[in-house]
Amino acid sequence: MSLLTQEHPFAEFIKILGKGKKGARPLTQDEAYRAMQMILADDQVEPIQLGAFLMLMRVKEETCEELAGFVQAARESFAFEAKVAVDLDWSSYAGKRRHLPWFLLSTLLLAENGVRVFMHGAGGHTEGRLYTENALQALGIKAATSIAEAGQQLEQDNFSYLSLEYICPKLYDMINLRPVMGLRSPVHTLVRLLNPFDATASIQGIFHPSYRQVHQKAALLLGQKNMAVLKGEGGETERNPDVECLVQSVNDGELNDETWPALFERRHMKAEDMDPQLLAQCWRGEFNDEFGEATVIATAAVALKLLGKADDQEHAQQLATEFWVARNRQRF
């Protein structure tokens, strides 16, 4: 770290967050925007400052204004312009440890029925979890390695997964600080709202229920007209059919809360086998999993209603079920 005789410009933001119980306050949206601009620029923030900032934010937790400012700065830092029209942006950053990532079959089911889905995520930052990129490999689906390749896959297959590494390398490096810090940081929250292809709608999963409303209101501040956020199984964008699911959304620029019912009276046990090959076997009809199939259909139903493909929950569930029954079983 270089020696300074004058206060570093980034110190302003650390002071705002760290002045103690009476002096500290949240950042405004503009302050959060300027802070993230500096973080994502070259050589404007010292490593010790970044660590202090991330952990101060972690202790107090992000406000919707802070999250909106961070996302705005991150989006402006992208060194690309997405040129492919996308229907649904799907974030996948948590990884799964109790059940297989059934939501992947939901996205592929939607893609098979004309919904263009772009998925982004980052794997490996938490030990003991099965991440999306590894599960896709088991299905024989190649992850894209550039925005251009993602665009080609979207036009050809209506689906593409691209790692955060190729969208915003600095955010990717920051999300991988989790083993160093021992804690998640605001990066784990803001990446879910990036929507790199400016999709018509976006859907996000969180683990901590308090973050639902933060995501919802941040999306409103960012001008995202159609988005949904739910407490997903394991923190992924996946509706758990064993429990009631509160979906908090923005629909045509208006806030909306909607509870989807549990589909089973008793909870299912943790999966005995986390082999992602079982996803392909289930798709082909060679492996029956009551929880898995219900999850695929229930998750797709939430997405279909968000996209305006169904007028109500019953219609969305029925349409998702029809898609599942009629799926191309020879795909995998």
Protein backbone atom coordinates (compact mmCIF):
# COMPACT_ATOMS: atom_id res chain seq x y z
CA MET A 1 0.00 0.00 0.00
CA SER A 2 1.33 3.42 -0.92
CA LEU A 3 1.96 6.04 1.80
CA LEU A 4 -0.38 9.04 1.63
CA THR A 5 -0.09 12.55 3.06
CA GLN A 6 -3.64 13.49 2.02
CA GLU A 7 -6.83 11.54 2.59
CA HIS A 8 -7.51 8.99 -0.13
CA PRO A 9 -10.63 9.82 -2.23
CA PHE A 10 -12.23 6.46 -1.43
CA ALA A 11 -11.90 7.09 2.32
CA GLU A 12 -15.06 9.20 2.07
CA PHE A 13 -17.20 6.09 1.64
CA ILE A 14 -15.50 4.09 4.39
CA LYS A 15 -16.03 6.97 6.82
CA ILE A 16 -19.75 7.18 5.98
CA LEU A 17 -20.19 3.48 6.82
CA GLY A 18 -17.74 3.21 9.71
CA LYS A 19 -18.22 6.25 11.96
CA GLY A 20 -19.77 4.18 14.72
CA LYS A 21 -23.31 3.59 15.95
CA LYS A 22 -24.29 7.25 16.00
CA GLY A 23 -22.21 8.65 13.18
CA ALA A 24 -22.53 5.94 10.53
CA ARG A 25 -25.26 5.92 7.91
CA PRO A 26 -26.09 4.09 4.66
CA LEU A 27 -24.78 5.40 1.37
CA THR A 28 -27.13 7.31 -0.90
CA GLN A 29 -27.73 5.79 -4.34
CA ASP A 30 -25.32 8.32 -5.86
CA GLU A 31 -22.64 7.60 -3.26
CA ALA A 32 -22.97 3.87 -3.84
CA TYR A 33 -22.72 4.48 -7.56
CA ARG A 34 -19.54 6.55 -7.19
CA ALA A 35 -18.01 4.05 -4.77
CA MET A 36 -18.57 1.12 -7.13
CA GLN A 37 -17.26 3.17 -10.05
CA MET A 38 -13.99 3.59 -8.19
CA ILE A 39 -13.86 -0.07 -7.15
CA LEU A 40 -14.30 -1.26 -10.73
CA ALA A 41 -11.81 1.24 -12.18
CA ASP A 42 -8.09 0.49 -12.35
CA ASP A 43 -5.93 1.41 -9.34
CA GLN A 44 -8.42 3.76 -7.66
CA VAL A 45 -9.01 1.71 -4.48
CA GLU A 46 -6.40 0.11 -2.23
CA PRO A 47 -6.93 -3.60 -1.38
CA ILE A 48 -7.22 -2.78 2.33
CA GLN A 49 -9.91 -0.21 1.53
CA LEU A 50 -11.86 -2.72 -0.53
CA GLY A 51 -11.78 -5.26 2.29
CA ALA A 52 -12.90 -2.68 4.85
CA PHE A 53 -15.68 -1.43 2.59
CA LEU A 54 -17.04 -4.89 1.79
CA MET A 55 -17.11 -5.97 5.42
CA LEU A 56 -18.67 -2.74 6.67
CA MET A 57 -21.38 -3.24 4.08
CA ARG A 58 -21.74 -6.87 5.13
CA VAL A 59 -22.25 -5.98 8.79
CA LYS A 60 -24.99 -3.44 8.12
CA GLU A 61 -26.44 -5.11 4.96
CA GLU A 62 -27.28 -3.28 1.74
CA THR A 63 -30.20 -0.90 1.31
CA CYS A 64 -32.16 -0.87 -1.95
CA GLU A 65 -30.60 2.53 -2.79
CA GLU A 66 -27.08 1.19 -2.27
CA LEU A 67 -27.81 -1.91 -4.32
CA ALA A 68 -29.26 0.17 -7.17
CA GLY A 69 -26.18 2.42 -7.18
CA PHE A 70 -23.81 -0.56 -7.23
CA VAL A 71 -25.68 -2.24 -10.10
CA GLN A 72 -25.83 0.97 -12.13
CA ALA A 73 -22.05 1.42 -11.87
CA ALA A 74 -21.39 -2.25 -12.67
CA ARG A 75 -23.60 -2.18 -15.76
CA GLU A 76 -21.88 0.96 -17.02
CA SER A 77 -18.50 -0.76 -16.65
CA PHE A 78 -19.39 -3.55 -19.11
CA ALA A 79 -17.08 -3.53 -22.12
CA PHE A 80 -19.79 -4.84 -24.46
CA GLU A 81 -23.20 -4.07 -25.88
CA ALA A 82 -25.63 -6.97 -25.87
CA LYS A 83 -27.35 -7.25 -29.26
CA VAL A 84 -29.57 -10.31 -28.80
CA ALA A 85 -33.14 -9.95 -27.54
CA VAL A 86 -33.63 -11.99 -24.36
CA ASP A 87 -36.93 -12.78 -22.65
CA LEU A 88 -35.71 -13.82 -19.21
CA ASP A 89 -32.55 -13.09 -17.23
CA TRP A 90 -31.86 -15.85 -14.67
CA SER A 91 -29.14 -15.44 -12.04
CA SER A 92 -27.46 -18.51 -10.53
CA TYR A 93 -24.81 -17.81 -7.90
CA ALA A 94 -25.63 -19.85 -4.79
CA GLY A 95 -25.00 -23.47 -5.76
CA LYS A 96 -26.94 -26.39 -4.28
CA ARG A 97 -26.06 -28.69 -1.37
CA ARG A 98 -29.31 -30.38 -0.27
CA HIS A 99 -31.11 -31.05 -3.55
CA LEU A 100 -30.09 -31.21 -7.20
CA PRO A 101 -30.38 -27.98 -9.25
CA TRP A 102 -33.80 -28.87 -10.67
CA PHE A 103 -34.26 -25.26 -11.78
CA LEU A 104 -31.91 -26.00 -14.70
CA LEU A 105 -34.55 -28.27 -16.19
CA SER A 106 -37.08 -25.45 -15.68
CA THR A 107 -34.97 -23.08 -17.76
CA LEU A 108 -34.45 -25.69 -20.48
CA LEU A 109 -38.17 -26.44 -20.50
CA LEU A 110 -38.90 -22.74 -21.01
CA ALA A 111 -36.28 -22.52 -23.77
CA GLU A 112 -37.78 -25.54 -25.54
CA ASN A 113 -41.09 -23.65 -25.60
CA GLY A 114 -39.83 -20.44 -27.12
CA VAL A 115 -38.64 -18.47 -24.08
CA ARG A 116 -35.11 -17.14 -24.57
CA VAL A 117 -33.30 -17.52 -21.23
CA PHE A 118 -29.89 -16.05 -20.38
CA MET A 119 -28.31 -17.42 -17.20
CA HIS A 120 -25.25 -16.00 -15.46
CA GLY A 121 -23.44 -17.14 -12.35
CA ALA A 122 -20.16 -17.99 -10.68
CA GLY A 123 -19.10 -21.32 -9.25
CA GLY A 124 -16.66 -22.58 -6.70
CA HIS A 125 -16.68 -19.75 -4.18
CA THR A 126 -18.28 -21.91 -1.44
CA GLU A 127 -17.03 -25.41 -0.65
CA GLY A 128 -19.41 -28.37 -0.73
CA ARG A 129 -21.90 -27.01 -3.27
CA LEU A 130 -22.89 -28.16 -6.74
CA TYR A 131 -22.72 -25.18 -9.08
CA THR A 132 -24.63 -24.61 -12.29
CA GLU A 133 -21.69 -24.83 -14.67
CA ASN A 134 -20.77 -28.30 -13.39
CA ALA A 135 -24.37 -29.50 -13.63
CA LEU A 136 -24.63 -28.19 -17.20
CA GLN A 137 -21.50 -30.14 -18.13
CA ALA A 138 -23.18 -33.30 -16.86
CA LEU A 139 -26.11 -32.51 -19.18
CA GLY A 140 -23.75 -32.05 -22.11
CA ILE A 141 -24.43 -28.31 -22.32
CA LYS A 142 -21.38 -26.16 -22.97
CA ALA A 143 -21.15 -22.92 -21.05
CA ALA A 144 -20.34 -19.87 -23.18
CA THR A 145 -16.96 -18.21 -22.73
CA SER A 146 -17.79 -14.79 -24.18
CA ILE A 147 -20.73 -12.46 -24.70
CA ALA A 148 -20.54 -13.18 -28.43
CA GLU A 149 -20.74 -16.94 -27.90
CA ALA A 150 -23.61 -16.49 -25.44
CA GLY A 151 -25.47 -14.52 -28.10
CA GLN A 152 -24.94 -17.30 -30.63
CA GLN A 153 -26.19 -19.94 -28.20
CA LEU A 154 -29.25 -17.85 -27.38
CA GLU A 155 -30.15 -17.46 -31.04
CA GLN A 156 -29.61 -21.16 -31.71
CA ASP A 157 -30.95 -22.83 -28.54
CA ASN A 158 -32.90 -20.12 -26.63
CA PHE A 159 -30.54 -20.75 -23.69
CA SER A 160 -27.03 -19.79 -22.65
CA TYR A 161 -25.04 -19.81 -19.44
CA LEU A 162 -22.13 -17.39 -19.08
CA SER A 163 -19.87 -17.06 -16.06
CA LEU A 164 -19.51 -13.68 -14.37
CA GLU A 165 -15.82 -14.02 -15.21
CA TYR A 166 -16.62 -13.05 -18.82
CA ILE A 167 -19.16 -10.36 -17.94
CA CYS A 168 -17.27 -8.38 -15.30
CA PRO A 169 -13.89 -9.87 -14.27
CA LYS A 170 -13.47 -7.53 -11.30
CA LEU A 171 -16.78 -8.55 -9.78
CA TYR A 172 -15.82 -12.17 -10.40
CA ASP A 173 -12.56 -11.66 -8.48
CA MET A 174 -14.49 -10.00 -5.65
CA ILE A 175 -17.10 -12.75 -5.35
CA ASN A 176 -14.24 -15.23 -5.03
CA LEU A 177 -12.96 -13.40 -1.94
CA ARG A 178 -15.53 -15.31 0.11
CA PRO A 179 -13.05 -18.00 1.26
CA VAL A 180 -10.63 -15.21 2.25
CA MET A 181 -13.21 -13.18 4.16
CA GLY A 182 -15.26 -16.10 5.44
CA LEU A 183 -18.42 -14.16 4.60
CA ARG A 184 -20.51 -13.16 1.61
CA SER A 185 -20.32 -9.53 0.51
CA PRO A 186 -22.56 -7.03 -1.33
CA VAL A 187 -21.21 -8.49 -4.57
CA HIS A 188 -23.23 -11.67 -3.99
CA THR A 189 -26.34 -9.48 -3.96
CA LEU A 190 -25.66 -7.03 -6.77
CA VAL A 191 -24.63 -9.64 -9.36
CA ARG A 192 -28.12 -11.12 -9.27
CA LEU A 193 -29.52 -7.84 -10.65
CA LEU A 194 -27.00 -7.28 -13.45
CA ASN A 195 -29.27 -8.42 -16.33
CA PRO A 196 -26.40 -8.06 -18.87
CA PHE A 197 -28.57 -8.61 -21.98
CA ASP A 198 -31.32 -6.20 -20.84
CA ALA A 199 -33.85 -9.02 -20.82
CA THR A 200 -37.53 -8.12 -20.79
CA ALA A 201 -37.88 -9.79 -17.39
CA SER A 202 -35.52 -11.09 -14.72
CA ILE A 203 -35.89 -13.63 -11.92
CA GLN A 204 -33.68 -14.04 -8.87
CA GLY A 205 -33.39 -16.36 -5.91
CA ILE A 206 -32.15 -15.40 -2.46
CA PHE A 207 -31.56 -17.33 0.76
CA HIS A 208 -32.26 -14.70 3.43
CA PRO A 209 -35.93 -13.59 3.26
CA SER A 210 -35.10 -9.97 4.18
CA TYR A 211 -33.31 -9.56 0.85
CA ARG A 212 -36.48 -10.14 -1.19
CA GLN A 213 -37.75 -6.61 -0.67
CA VAL A 214 -34.29 -5.09 -1.15
CA HIS A 215 -34.04 -6.75 -4.58
CA GLN A 216 -37.60 -5.78 -5.44
CA LYS A 217 -37.20 -2.10 -4.60
CA ALA A 218 -33.71 -1.89 -6.13
CA ALA A 219 -35.15 -3.21 -9.40
CA LEU A 220 -37.80 -0.48 -9.26
CA LEU A 221 -35.11 2.18 -8.72
CA LEU A 222 -33.18 0.76 -11.68
CA GLY A 223 -36.23 0.99 -13.92
CA GLN A 224 -36.55 -2.77 -14.36
CA LYS A 225 -40.24 -3.11 -15.20
CA ASN A 226 -40.63 -6.88 -14.79
CA MET A 227 -38.70 -8.88 -12.22
CA ALA A 228 -39.39 -11.43 -9.53
CA VAL A 229 -37.44 -12.50 -6.47
CA LEU A 230 -38.13 -15.47 -4.21
CA LYS A 231 -36.53 -17.36 -1.35
CA GLY A 232 -35.20 -20.19 -3.47
CA GLU A 233 -34.17 -23.66 -2.36
CA GLY A 234 -30.55 -23.31 -1.28
CA GLY A 235 -30.59 -19.66 -2.37
CA GLU A 236 -30.95 -20.49 -6.06
CA THR A 237 -33.81 -19.31 -8.29
CA GLU A 238 -35.90 -22.37 -7.56
CA ARG A 239 -39.36 -22.68 -6.00
CA ASN A 240 -39.44 -25.32 -3.28
CA PRO A 241 -42.75 -27.21 -3.70
CA ASP A 242 -42.67 -28.35 -0.07
CA VAL A 243 -43.31 -24.87 1.36
CA GLU A 244 -45.28 -21.72 0.63
CA CYS A 245 -43.34 -19.40 -1.66
CA LEU A 246 -43.64 -15.61 -1.44
CA VAL A 247 -42.73 -14.03 -4.75
CA GLN A 248 -42.07 -10.30 -4.56
CA SER A 249 -42.02 -8.69 -7.97
CA VAL A 250 -42.15 -5.61 -10.13
CA ASN A 251 -44.86 -5.90 -12.78
CA ASP A 252 -45.05 -3.12 -15.36
CA GLY A 253 -43.27 -0.85 -12.91
CA GLU A 254 -45.52 -1.63 -9.91
CA LEU A 255 -44.61 -3.57 -6.75
CA ASN A 256 -46.47 -6.82 -6.21
CA ASP A 257 -46.40 -9.59 -3.58
CA GLU A 258 -47.87 -13.01 -4.27
CA THR A 259 -47.84 -16.26 -2.29
CA TRP A 260 -47.68 -19.56 -4.15
CA PRO A 261 -48.95 -22.54 -2.12
CA ALA A 262 -47.02 -25.59 -0.98
CA LEU A 263 -47.72 -28.59 -3.21
CA PHE A 264 -47.06 -31.31 -0.62
CA GLU A 265 -48.27 -31.79 2.95
CA ARG A 266 -44.95 -33.18 4.17
CA ARG A 267 -41.43 -32.08 3.39
CA HIS A 268 -39.16 -34.33 1.38
CA MET A 269 -35.89 -35.54 2.83
CA LYS A 270 -32.53 -34.23 1.68
CA ALA A 271 -31.46 -35.92 -1.56
CA GLU A 272 -29.33 -39.02 -1.00
CA ASP A 273 -27.53 -38.64 -4.32
CA MET A 274 -26.36 -35.30 -5.75
CA ASP A 275 -25.19 -36.83 -9.03
CA PRO A 276 -26.17 -34.29 -11.74
CA GLN A 277 -26.54 -37.16 -14.22
CA LEU A 278 -29.87 -37.80 -12.50
CA LEU A 279 -31.18 -34.56 -14.05
CA ALA A 280 -30.78 -36.01 -17.55
CA GLN A 281 -32.27 -39.34 -16.45
CA CYS A 282 -35.29 -37.53 -14.99
CA TRP A 283 -35.73 -35.53 -18.21
CA ARG A 284 -35.66 -38.75 -20.24
CA GLY A 285 -38.17 -40.38 -17.91
CA GLU A 286 -35.71 -43.03 -16.72
CA PHE A 287 -35.60 -41.75 -13.14
CA ASN A 288 -38.69 -40.75 -11.15
CA ASP A 289 -38.30 -38.09 -8.49
CA GLU A 290 -41.52 -36.62 -7.10
CA PHE A 291 -39.79 -33.64 -5.52
CA GLY A 292 -37.65 -32.98 -8.59
CA GLU A 293 -40.47 -33.04 -11.12
CA ALA A 294 -42.67 -30.86 -8.92
CA THR A 295 -39.81 -28.39 -8.53
CA VAL A 296 -39.20 -28.17 -12.28
CA ILE A 297 -42.86 -27.49 -13.01
CA ALA A 298 -43.44 -25.15 -10.06
CA THR A 299 -40.38 -23.04 -10.87
CA ALA A 300 -41.29 -22.81 -14.55
CA ALA A 301 -44.80 -21.75 -13.52
CA VAL A 302 -43.51 -18.72 -11.59
CA ALA A 303 -41.45 -17.69 -14.62
CA LEU A 304 -44.39 -18.12 -17.02
CA LYS A 305 -46.60 -15.87 -14.91
CA LEU A 306 -43.84 -13.24 -14.66
CA LEU A 307 -43.50 -13.31 -18.46
CA GLY A 308 -47.22 -12.82 -18.95
CA LYS A 309 -47.67 -16.26 -20.53
CA ALA A 310 -50.32 -17.09 -17.94
CA ASP A 311 -52.94 -14.91 -16.25
CA ASP A 312 -52.97 -16.61 -12.86
CA GLN A 313 -51.20 -19.26 -10.79
CA GLU A 314 -53.51 -22.09 -11.81
CA HIS A 315 -53.01 -21.36 -15.52
CA ALA A 316 -49.23 -21.02 -15.06
CA GLN A 317 -49.02 -24.35 -13.22
CA GLN A 318 -51.16 -26.04 -15.87
CA LEU A 319 -49.08 -24.63 -18.74
CA ALA A 320 -45.79 -25.64 -17.09
CA THR A 321 -47.19 -29.16 -16.54
CA GLU A 322 -48.19 -29.39 -20.22
CA PHE A 323 -44.69 -28.31 -21.24
CA TRP A 324 -43.16 -31.00 -19.00
CA VAL A 325 -45.41 -33.79 -20.28
CA ALA A 326 -44.70 -32.82 -23.91
CA ARG A 327 -40.94 -32.28 -23.50
CA ASN A 328 -38.50 -33.74 -26.02
CA ARG A 329 -37.22 -36.67 -23.97
CA GLN A 330 -34.47 -37.39 -26.48
CA ARG A 331 -32.69 -34.11 -25.82
CA PHE A 332 -30.22 -35.59 -23.33
